[in-house]
Full PDB file with SEQRES, HELIX, SHEET, SSBOND, CRYST1, ORIGX, SCALE, CONECT and MASTER records, all heavy atoms in Angstrom:
SEQRES   1 A   32  LEU ASN SER LEU HIS LEU HIS THR ALA LEU ASP ALA ALA          
SEQRES   2 A   32  ILE LEU GLU GLY GLY LEU SER PHE GLU ASP ILE PHE ASN          
SEQRES   3 A   32  PHE TRP ILE LYS SER HIS                                      
HELIX    1 AA1 SER A    3  LEU A   15  1                                  13    
HELIX    2 AA2 PHE A   21  LYS A   30  1                                  10    
CRYST1    1.000    1.000    1.000  90.00  90.00  90.00 P 1           1          
ORIGX1      1.000000  0.000000  0.000000        0.00000                         
ORIGX2      0.000000  1.000000  0.000000        0.00000                         
ORIGX3      0.000000  0.000000  1.000000        0.00000                         
SCALE1      1.000000  0.000000  0.000000        0.00000                         
SCALE2      0.000000  1.000000  0.000000        0.00000                         
SCALE3      0.000000  0.000000  1.000000        0.00000                         
ATOM      1  N   LEU A   1       0.819  -1.216  -0.001  1.00  0.00           N  
ATOM      2  CA  LEU A   1      -0.003   0.005   0.000  1.00  0.00           C  
ATOM      3  C   LEU A   1       0.863   1.260  -0.002  1.00  0.00           C  
ATOM      4  O   LEU A   1       0.461   2.289  -0.576  1.00  0.00           O  
ATOM      5  CB  LEU A   1      -0.922   0.010   1.226  1.00  0.00           C  
ATOM      6  CG  LEU A   1      -2.055  -1.027   1.227  1.00  0.00           C  
ATOM      7  CD1 LEU A   1      -2.764  -1.027   2.561  1.00  0.00           C  
ATOM      8  CD2 LEU A   1      -3.052  -0.755   0.100  1.00  0.00           C  
ATOM      9  N   ASN A   2       2.021   1.197   0.639  1.00  0.00           N  
ATOM     10  CA  ASN A   2       2.854   2.364   0.794  1.00  0.00           C  
ATOM     11  C   ASN A   2       3.952   2.480  -0.268  1.00  0.00           C  
ATOM     12  O   ASN A   2       4.837   3.347  -0.182  1.00  0.00           O  
ATOM     13  CB  ASN A   2       3.508   2.397   2.177  1.00  0.00           C  
ATOM     14  CG  ASN A   2       2.483   2.535   3.287  1.00  0.00           C  
ATOM     15  OD1 ASN A   2       1.438   3.126   3.066  1.00  0.00           O  
ATOM     16  ND2 ASN A   2       2.786   2.022   4.453  1.00  0.00           N  
ATOM     17  N   SER A   3       3.912   1.620  -1.281  1.00  0.00           N  
ATOM     18  CA  SER A   3       4.934   1.651  -2.312  1.00  0.00           C  
ATOM     19  C   SER A   3       4.937   2.986  -3.062  1.00  0.00           C  
ATOM     20  O   SER A   3       5.988   3.443  -3.527  1.00  0.00           O  
ATOM     21  CB  SER A   3       4.743   0.500  -3.299  1.00  0.00           C  
ATOM     22  OG  SER A   3       3.480   0.590  -3.949  1.00  0.00           O  
ATOM     23  N   LEU A   4       3.788   3.628  -3.161  1.00  0.00           N  
ATOM     24  CA  LEU A   4       3.715   4.913  -3.832  1.00  0.00           C  
ATOM     25  C   LEU A   4       4.532   5.972  -3.083  1.00  0.00           C  
ATOM     26  O   LEU A   4       5.153   6.833  -3.693  1.00  0.00           O  
ATOM     27  CB  LEU A   4       2.250   5.377  -3.956  1.00  0.00           C  
ATOM     28  CG  LEU A   4       2.024   6.736  -4.633  1.00  0.00           C  
ATOM     29  CD1 LEU A   4       2.586   6.717  -6.066  1.00  0.00           C  
ATOM     30  CD2 LEU A   4       0.542   7.085  -4.646  1.00  0.00           C  
ATOM     31  N   HIS A   5       4.542   5.902  -1.755  1.00  0.00           N  
ATOM     32  CA  HIS A   5       5.322   6.857  -0.968  1.00  0.00           C  
ATOM     33  C   HIS A   5       6.823   6.698  -1.244  1.00  0.00           C  
ATOM     34  O   HIS A   5       7.557   7.677  -1.372  1.00  0.00           O  
ATOM     35  CB  HIS A   5       5.036   6.676   0.517  1.00  0.00           C  
ATOM     36  CG  HIS A   5       3.620   6.931   0.911  1.00  0.00           C  
ATOM     37  ND1 HIS A   5       2.990   8.135   0.690  1.00  0.00           N  
ATOM     38  CD2 HIS A   5       2.702   6.135   1.500  1.00  0.00           C  
ATOM     39  CE1 HIS A   5       1.743   8.075   1.119  1.00  0.00           C  
ATOM     40  NE2 HIS A   5       1.524   6.868   1.591  1.00  0.00           N  
ATOM     41  N   LEU A   6       7.277   5.429  -1.321  1.00  0.00           N  
ATOM     42  CA  LEU A   6       8.666   5.178  -1.632  1.00  0.00           C  
ATOM     43  C   LEU A   6       8.999   5.655  -3.034  1.00  0.00           C  
ATOM     44  O   LEU A   6      10.048   6.285  -3.250  1.00  0.00           O  
ATOM     45  CB  LEU A   6       8.956   3.685  -1.476  1.00  0.00           C  
ATOM     46  CG  LEU A   6      10.409   3.233  -1.782  1.00  0.00           C  
ATOM     47  CD1 LEU A   6      11.394   3.937  -0.850  1.00  0.00           C  
ATOM     48  CD2 LEU A   6      10.519   1.717  -1.619  1.00  0.00           C  
ATOM     49  N   HIS A   7       8.112   5.384  -3.973  1.00  0.00           N  
ATOM     50  CA  HIS A   7       8.280   5.832  -5.356  1.00  0.00           C  
ATOM     51  C   HIS A   7       8.421   7.364  -5.392  1.00  0.00           C  
ATOM     52  O   HIS A   7       9.333   7.892  -6.061  1.00  0.00           O  
ATOM     53  CB  HIS A   7       7.057   5.398  -6.181  1.00  0.00           C  
ATOM     54  CG  HIS A   7       6.943   6.017  -7.524  1.00  0.00           C  
ATOM     55  ND1 HIS A   7       7.450   5.419  -8.675  1.00  0.00           N  
ATOM     56  CD2 HIS A   7       6.396   7.189  -7.929  1.00  0.00           C  
ATOM     57  CE1 HIS A   7       7.205   6.206  -9.720  1.00  0.00           C  
ATOM     58  NE2 HIS A   7       6.573   7.280  -9.296  1.00  0.00           N  
ATOM     59  N   THR A   8       7.557   8.057  -4.694  1.00  0.00           N  
ATOM     60  CA  THR A   8       7.572   9.524  -4.679  1.00  0.00           C  
ATOM     61  C   THR A   8       8.855  10.047  -4.048  1.00  0.00           C  
ATOM     62  O   THR A   8       9.465  11.001  -4.559  1.00  0.00           O  
ATOM     63  CB  THR A   8       6.356  10.066  -3.921  1.00  0.00           C  
ATOM     64  OG1 THR A   8       5.155   9.580  -4.540  1.00  0.00           O  
ATOM     65  CG2 THR A   8       6.341  11.575  -3.908  1.00  0.00           C  
ATOM     66  N   ALA A   9       9.282   9.431  -2.933  1.00  0.00           N  
ATOM     67  CA  ALA A   9      10.488   9.887  -2.255  1.00  0.00           C  
ATOM     68  C   ALA A   9      11.730   9.701  -3.121  1.00  0.00           C  
ATOM     69  O   ALA A   9      12.585  10.607  -3.186  1.00  0.00           O  
ATOM     70  CB  ALA A   9      10.639   9.124  -0.931  1.00  0.00           C  
ATOM     71  N   LEU A  10      11.852   8.561  -3.768  1.00  0.00           N  
ATOM     72  CA  LEU A  10      13.028   8.313  -4.597  1.00  0.00           C  
ATOM     73  C   LEU A  10      13.022   9.216  -5.845  1.00  0.00           C  
ATOM     74  O   LEU A  10      14.070   9.752  -6.227  1.00  0.00           O  
ATOM     75  CB  LEU A  10      13.065   6.841  -5.028  1.00  0.00           C  
ATOM     76  CG  LEU A  10      13.450   5.857  -3.916  1.00  0.00           C  
ATOM     77  CD1 LEU A  10      13.289   4.419  -4.393  1.00  0.00           C  
ATOM     78  CD2 LEU A  10      14.883   6.096  -3.444  1.00  0.00           C  
ATOM     79  N   ASP A  11      11.868   9.409  -6.438  1.00  0.00           N  
ATOM     80  CA  ASP A  11      11.789  10.301  -7.598  1.00  0.00           C  
ATOM     81  C   ASP A  11      12.128  11.739  -7.221  1.00  0.00           C  
ATOM     82  O   ASP A  11      12.799  12.459  -7.969  1.00  0.00           O  
ATOM     83  CB  ASP A  11      10.377  10.257  -8.203  1.00  0.00           C  
ATOM     84  CG  ASP A  11      10.226   9.124  -9.217  1.00  0.00           C  
ATOM     85  OD1 ASP A  11      11.174   8.307  -9.326  1.00  0.00           O  
ATOM     86  OD2 ASP A  11       9.182   9.051  -9.877  1.00  0.00           O  
ATOM     87  N   ALA A  12      11.682  12.166  -6.038  1.00  0.00           N  
ATOM     88  CA  ALA A  12      12.008  13.519  -5.566  1.00  0.00           C  
ATOM     89  C   ALA A  12      13.500  13.661  -5.336  1.00  0.00           C  
ATOM     90  O   ALA A  12      14.094  14.681  -5.675  1.00  0.00           O  
ATOM     91  CB  ALA A  12      11.237  13.839  -4.293  1.00  0.00           C  
ATOM     92  N   ALA A  13      14.103  12.621  -4.759  1.00  0.00           N  
ATOM     93  CA  ALA A  13      15.559  12.667  -4.509  1.00  0.00           C  
ATOM     94  C   ALA A  13      16.334  12.756  -5.808  1.00  0.00           C  
ATOM     95  O   ALA A  13      17.355  13.458  -5.908  1.00  0.00           O  
ATOM     96  CB  ALA A  13      15.986  11.427  -3.723  1.00  0.00           C  
ATOM     97  N   ILE A  14      15.852  12.085  -6.852  1.00  0.00           N  
ATOM     98  CA  ILE A  14      16.551  12.053  -8.132  1.00  0.00           C  
ATOM     99  C   ILE A  14      16.257  13.285  -8.966  1.00  0.00           C  
ATOM    100  O   ILE A  14      17.159  13.984  -9.445  1.00  0.00           O  
ATOM    101  CB  ILE A  14      16.160  10.778  -8.909  1.00  0.00           C  
ATOM    102  CG1 ILE A  14      16.706   9.521  -8.190  1.00  0.00           C  
ATOM    103  CG2 ILE A  14      16.733  10.835 -10.330  1.00  0.00           C  
ATOM    104  CD1 ILE A  14      16.147   8.231  -8.713  1.00  0.00           C  
ATOM    105  N   LEU A  15      14.973  13.607  -9.123  1.00  0.00           N  
ATOM    106  CA  LEU A  15      14.575  14.688 -10.030  1.00  0.00           C  
ATOM    107  C   LEU A  15      14.739  16.062  -9.413  1.00  0.00           C  
ATOM    108  O   LEU A  15      15.072  17.036 -10.101  1.00  0.00           O  
ATOM    109  CB  LEU A  15      13.115  14.480 -10.467  1.00  0.00           C  
ATOM    110  CG  LEU A  15      12.831  13.156 -11.218  1.00  0.00           C  
ATOM    111  CD1 LEU A  15      11.346  13.024 -11.494  1.00  0.00           C  
ATOM    112  CD2 LEU A  15      13.650  13.095 -12.505  1.00  0.00           C  
ATOM    113  N   GLU A  16      14.480  16.181  -8.106  1.00  0.00           N  
ATOM    114  CA  GLU A  16      14.574  17.471  -7.447  1.00  0.00           C  
ATOM    115  C   GLU A  16      15.850  17.627  -6.636  1.00  0.00           C  
ATOM    116  O   GLU A  16      16.424  18.721  -6.567  1.00  0.00           O  
ATOM    117  CB  GLU A  16      13.366  17.669  -6.527  1.00  0.00           C  
ATOM    118  CG  GLU A  16      12.029  17.630  -7.260  1.00  0.00           C  
ATOM    119  CD  GLU A  16      10.840  17.681  -6.314  1.00  0.00           C  
ATOM    120  OE1 GLU A  16      11.017  18.118  -5.169  1.00  0.00           O  
ATOM    121  OE2 GLU A  16       9.744  17.256  -6.736  1.00  0.00           O  
ATOM    122  N   GLY A  17      16.292  16.542  -6.027  1.00  0.00           N  
ATOM    123  CA  GLY A  17      17.505  16.626  -5.187  1.00  0.00           C  
ATOM    124  C   GLY A  17      18.799  16.366  -5.925  1.00  0.00           C  
ATOM    125  O   GLY A  17      19.884  16.532  -5.368  1.00  0.00           O  
ATOM    126  N   GLY A  18      18.707  15.873  -7.164  1.00  0.00           N  
ATOM    127  CA  GLY A  18      19.892  15.632  -7.951  1.00  0.00           C  
ATOM    128  C   GLY A  18      20.631  14.363  -7.607  1.00  0.00           C  
ATOM    129  O   GLY A  18      21.818  14.192  -7.974  1.00  0.00           O  
ATOM    130  N   LEU A  19      19.973  13.421  -6.909  1.00  0.00           N  
ATOM    131  CA  LEU A  19      20.613  12.156  -6.602  1.00  0.00           C  
ATOM    132  C   LEU A  19      20.965  11.428  -7.889  1.00  0.00           C  
ATOM    133  O   LEU A  19      20.106  11.256  -8.768  1.00  0.00           O  
ATOM    134  CB  LEU A  19      19.670  11.282  -5.745  1.00  0.00           C  
ATOM    135  CG  LEU A  19      20.219   9.916  -5.310  1.00  0.00           C  
ATOM    136  CD1 LEU A  19      21.356  10.084  -4.309  1.00  0.00           C  
ATOM    137  CD2 LEU A  19      19.092   9.064  -4.724  1.00  0.00           C  
ATOM    138  N   SER A  20      22.193  10.952  -7.990  1.00  0.00           N  
ATOM    139  CA  SER A  20      22.664  10.344  -9.225  1.00  0.00           C  
ATOM    140  C   SER A  20      23.155   8.908  -8.987  1.00  0.00           C  
ATOM    141  O   SER A  20      23.345   8.480  -7.840  1.00  0.00           O  
ATOM    142  CB  SER A  20      23.805  11.155  -9.823  1.00  0.00           C  
ATOM    143  OG  SER A  20      24.955  11.088  -9.001  1.00  0.00           O  
ATOM    144  N   PHE A  21      23.344   8.209 -10.062  1.00  0.00           N  
ATOM    145  CA  PHE A  21      23.946   6.877  -9.997  1.00  0.00           C  
ATOM    146  C   PHE A  21      25.299   6.931  -9.304  1.00  0.00           C  
ATOM    147  O   PHE A  21      25.643   6.084  -8.477  1.00  0.00           O  
ATOM    148  CB  PHE A  21      24.078   6.323 -11.425  1.00  0.00           C  
ATOM    149  CG  PHE A  21      25.293   5.443 -11.644  1.00  0.00           C  
ATOM    150  CD1 PHE A  21      25.382   4.197 -11.085  1.00  0.00           C  
ATOM    151  CD2 PHE A  21      26.355   5.923 -12.413  1.00  0.00           C  
ATOM    152  CE1 PHE A  21      26.502   3.395 -11.284  1.00  0.00           C  
ATOM    153  CE2 PHE A  21      27.468   5.137 -12.633  1.00  0.00           C  
ATOM    154  CZ  PHE A  21      27.541   3.879 -12.068  1.00  0.00           C  
ATOM    155  N   GLU A  22      26.088   7.959  -9.616  1.00  0.00           N  
ATOM    156  CA  GLU A  22      27.421   8.099  -9.011  1.00  0.00           C  
ATOM    157  C   GLU A  22      27.330   8.294  -7.500  1.00  0.00           C  
ATOM    158  O   GLU A  22      28.163   7.756  -6.739  1.00  0.00           O  
ATOM    159  CB  GLU A  22      28.189   9.258  -9.633  1.00  0.00           C  
ATOM    160  CG  GLU A  22      28.638   9.035 -11.071  1.00  0.00           C  
ATOM    161  CD  GLU A  22      27.538   9.303 -12.091  1.00  0.00           C  
ATOM    162  OE1 GLU A  22      26.424   9.719 -11.659  1.00  0.00           O  
ATOM    163  OE2 GLU A  22      27.766   9.094 -13.291  1.00  0.00           O  
ATOM    164  N   ASP A  23      26.323   9.015  -7.049  1.00  0.00           N  
ATOM    165  CA  ASP A  23      26.131   9.236  -5.601  1.00  0.00           C  
ATOM    166  C   ASP A  23      25.914   7.921  -4.863  1.00  0.00           C  
ATOM    167  O   ASP A  23      26.514   7.675  -3.813  1.00  0.00           O  
ATOM    168  CB  ASP A  23      24.941  10.162  -5.347  1.00  0.00           C  
ATOM    169  CG  ASP A  23      25.191  11.574  -5.831  1.00  0.00           C  
ATOM    170  OD1 ASP A  23      26.356  12.020  -5.822  1.00  0.00           O  
ATOM    171  OD2 ASP A  23      24.212  12.239  -6.227  1.00  0.00           O  
ATOM    172  N   ILE A  24      25.048   7.089  -5.418  1.00  0.00           N  
ATOM    173  CA  ILE A  24      24.731   5.825  -4.748  1.00  0.00           C  
ATOM    174  C   ILE A  24      25.930   4.863  -4.839  1.00  0.00           C  
ATOM    175  O   ILE A  24      26.247   4.168  -3.865  1.00  0.00           O  
ATOM    176  CB  ILE A  24      23.480   5.187  -5.367  1.00  0.00           C  
ATOM    177  CG1 ILE A  24      22.279   6.094  -5.152  1.00  0.00           C  
ATOM    178  CG2 ILE A  24      23.216   3.807  -4.751  1.00  0.00           C  
ATOM    179  CD1 ILE A  24      20.982   5.571  -5.741  1.00  0.00           C  
ATOM    180  N   PHE A  25      26.606   4.872  -5.966  1.00  0.00           N  
ATOM    181  CA  PHE A  25      27.777   3.999  -6.121  1.00  0.00           C  
ATOM    182  C   PHE A  25      28.875   4.409  -5.122  1.00  0.00           C  
ATOM    183  O   PHE A  25      29.485   3.558  -4.465  1.00  0.00           O  
ATOM    184  CB  PHE A  25      28.315   4.063  -7.561  1.00  0.00           C  
ATOM    185  CG  PHE A  25      29.486   3.146  -7.798  1.00  0.00           C  
ATOM    186  CD1 PHE A  25      29.317   1.771  -7.782  1.00  0.00           C  
ATOM    187  CD2 PHE A  25      30.731   3.674  -8.053  1.00  0.00           C  
ATOM    188  CE1 PHE A  25      30.405   0.922  -8.006  1.00  0.00           C  
ATOM    189  CE2 PHE A  25      31.822   2.856  -8.271  1.00  0.00           C  
ATOM    190  CZ  PHE A  25      31.655   1.481  -8.254  1.00  0.00           C  
ATOM    191  N   ASN A  26      29.112   5.716  -4.988  1.00  0.00           N  
ATOM    192  CA  ASN A  26      30.123   6.189  -4.055  1.00  0.00           C  
ATOM    193  C   ASN A  26      29.718   5.924  -2.606  1.00  0.00           C  
ATOM    194  O   ASN A  26      30.577   5.658  -1.745  1.00  0.00           O  
ATOM    195  CB  ASN A  26      30.380   7.678  -4.262  1.00  0.00           C  
ATOM    196  CG  ASN A  26      31.122   7.981  -5.557  1.00  0.00           C  
ATOM    197  OD1 ASN A  26      31.906   7.152  -6.021  1.00  0.00           O  
ATOM    198  ND2 ASN A  26      30.850   9.129  -6.144  1.00  0.00           N  
ATOM    199  N   PHE A  27      28.432   5.987  -2.343  1.00  0.00           N  
ATOM    200  CA  PHE A  27      27.909   5.641  -1.009  1.00  0.00           C  
ATOM    201  C   PHE A  27      28.260   4.201  -0.684  1.00  0.00           C  
ATOM    202  O   PHE A  27      28.691   3.872   0.432  1.00  0.00           O  
ATOM    203  CB  PHE A  27      26.402   5.870  -0.966  1.00  0.00           C  
ATOM    204  CG  PHE A  27      25.696   5.290   0.222  1.00  0.00           C  
ATOM    205  CD1 PHE A  27      25.734   5.940   1.433  1.00  0.00           C  
ATOM    206  CD2 PHE A  27      25.002   4.100   0.110  1.00  0.00           C  
ATOM    207  CE1 PHE A  27      25.081   5.417   2.536  1.00  0.00           C  
ATOM    208  CE2 PHE A  27      24.343   3.563   1.208  1.00  0.00           C  
ATOM    209  CZ  PHE A  27      24.396   4.222   2.424  1.00  0.00           C  
ATOM    210  N   TRP A  28      28.075   3.306  -1.654  1.00  0.00           N  
ATOM    211  CA  TRP A  28      28.400   1.891  -1.451  1.00  0.00           C  
ATOM    212  C   TRP A  28      29.900   1.709  -1.264  1.00  0.00           C  
ATOM    213  O   TRP A  28      30.337   0.941  -0.396  1.00  0.00           O  
ATOM    214  CB  TRP A  28      27.901   1.087  -2.651  1.00  0.00           C  
ATOM    215  CG  TRP A  28      28.301  -0.362  -2.624  1.00  0.00           C  
ATOM    216  CD1 TRP A  28      27.817  -1.344  -1.780  1.00  0.00           C  
ATOM    217  CD2 TRP A  28      29.295  -1.004  -3.446  1.00  0.00           C  
ATOM    218  NE1 TRP A  28      28.430  -2.532  -2.039  1.00  0.00           N  
ATOM    219  CE2 TRP A  28      29.349  -2.363  -3.064  1.00  0.00           C  
ATOM    220  CE3 TRP A  28      30.122  -0.562  -4.468  1.00  0.00           C  
ATOM    221  CZ2 TRP A  28      30.198  -3.267  -3.661  1.00  0.00           C  
ATOM    222  CZ3 TRP A  28      30.969  -1.459  -5.076  1.00  0.00           C  
ATOM    223  CH2 TRP A  28      31.008  -2.801  -4.670  1.00  0.00           C  
ATOM    224  N   ILE A  29      30.724   2.395  -2.050  1.00  0.00           N  
ATOM    225  CA  ILE A  29      32.164   2.282  -1.938  1.00  0.00           C  
ATOM    226  C   ILE A  29      32.628   2.643  -0.536  1.00  0.00           C  
ATOM    227  O   ILE A  29      33.544   2.018   0.030  1.00  0.00           O  
ATOM    228  CB  ILE A  29      32.872   3.170  -2.987  1.00  0.00           C  
ATOM    229  CG1 ILE A  29      32.701   2.573  -4.387  1.00  0.00           C  
ATOM    230  CG2 ILE A  29      34.355   3.335  -2.672  1.00  0.00           C  
ATOM    231  CD1 ILE A  29      33.292   3.424  -5.488  1.00  0.00           C  
ATOM    232  N   LYS A  30      32.011   3.669   0.064  1.00  0.00           N  
ATOM    233  CA  LYS A  30      32.439   4.150   1.390  1.00  0.00           C  
ATOM    234  C   LYS A  30      31.842   3.334   2.543  1.00  0.00           C  
ATOM    235  O   LYS A  30      32.214   3.541   3.694  1.00  0.00           O  
ATOM    236  CB  LYS A  30      32.054   5.617   1.547  1.00  0.00           C  
ATOM    237  CG  LYS A  30      32.803   6.535   0.581  1.00  0.00           C  
ATOM    238  CD  LYS A  30      32.299   7.973   0.683  1.00  0.00           C  
ATOM    239  CE  LYS A  30      33.027   8.877  -0.323  1.00  0.00           C  
ATOM    240  NZ  LYS A  30      32.501  10.271  -0.294  1.00  0.00           N  
ATOM    241  N   SER A  31      30.917   2.437   2.227  1.00  0.00           N  
ATOM    242  CA  SER A  31      30.274   1.644   3.273  1.00  0.00           C  
ATOM    243  C   SER A  31      31.125   0.401   3.592  1.00  0.00           C  
ATOM    244  O   SER A  31      32.055   0.054   2.844  1.00  0.00           O  
ATOM    245  CB  SER A  31      28.880   1.207   2.830  1.00  0.00           C  
ATOM    246  OG  SER A  31      28.954   0.141   1.887  1.00  0.00           O  
ATOM    247  N   HIS A  32      30.771  -0.264   4.676  1.00  0.00           N  
ATOM    248  CA  HIS A  32      31.494  -1.485   5.048  1.00  0.00           C  
ATOM    249  C   HIS A  32      31.144  -2.640   4.117  1.00  0.00           C  
ATOM    250  O   HIS A  32      31.772  -3.704   4.196  1.00  0.00           O  
ATOM    251  CB  HIS A  32      31.156  -1.873   6.502  1.00  0.00           C  
ATOM    252  CG  HIS A  32      29.699  -2.208   6.709  1.00  0.00           C  
ATOM    253  ND1 HIS A  32      28.781  -1.255   7.097  1.00  0.00           N  
ATOM    254  CD2 HIS A  32      29.016  -3.367   6.570  1.00  0.00           C  
ATOM    255  CE1 HIS A  32      27.586  -1.820   7.195  1.00  0.00           C  
ATOM    256  NE2 HIS A  32      27.710  -3.092   6.872  1.00  0.00           N  
TER     257      HIS A  32                                                      
MASTER        0    0    0    2    0    0    0    6  256    1    0    3          
END                                                                             
């Protein structure tokens, strides 16, 4: 039921916040 909220949040992060593939990849590189 709440999948739309996740969809909206991720789209906002990408389209409005500028979240990129490189951001997530670098996040993974810096993680354990």
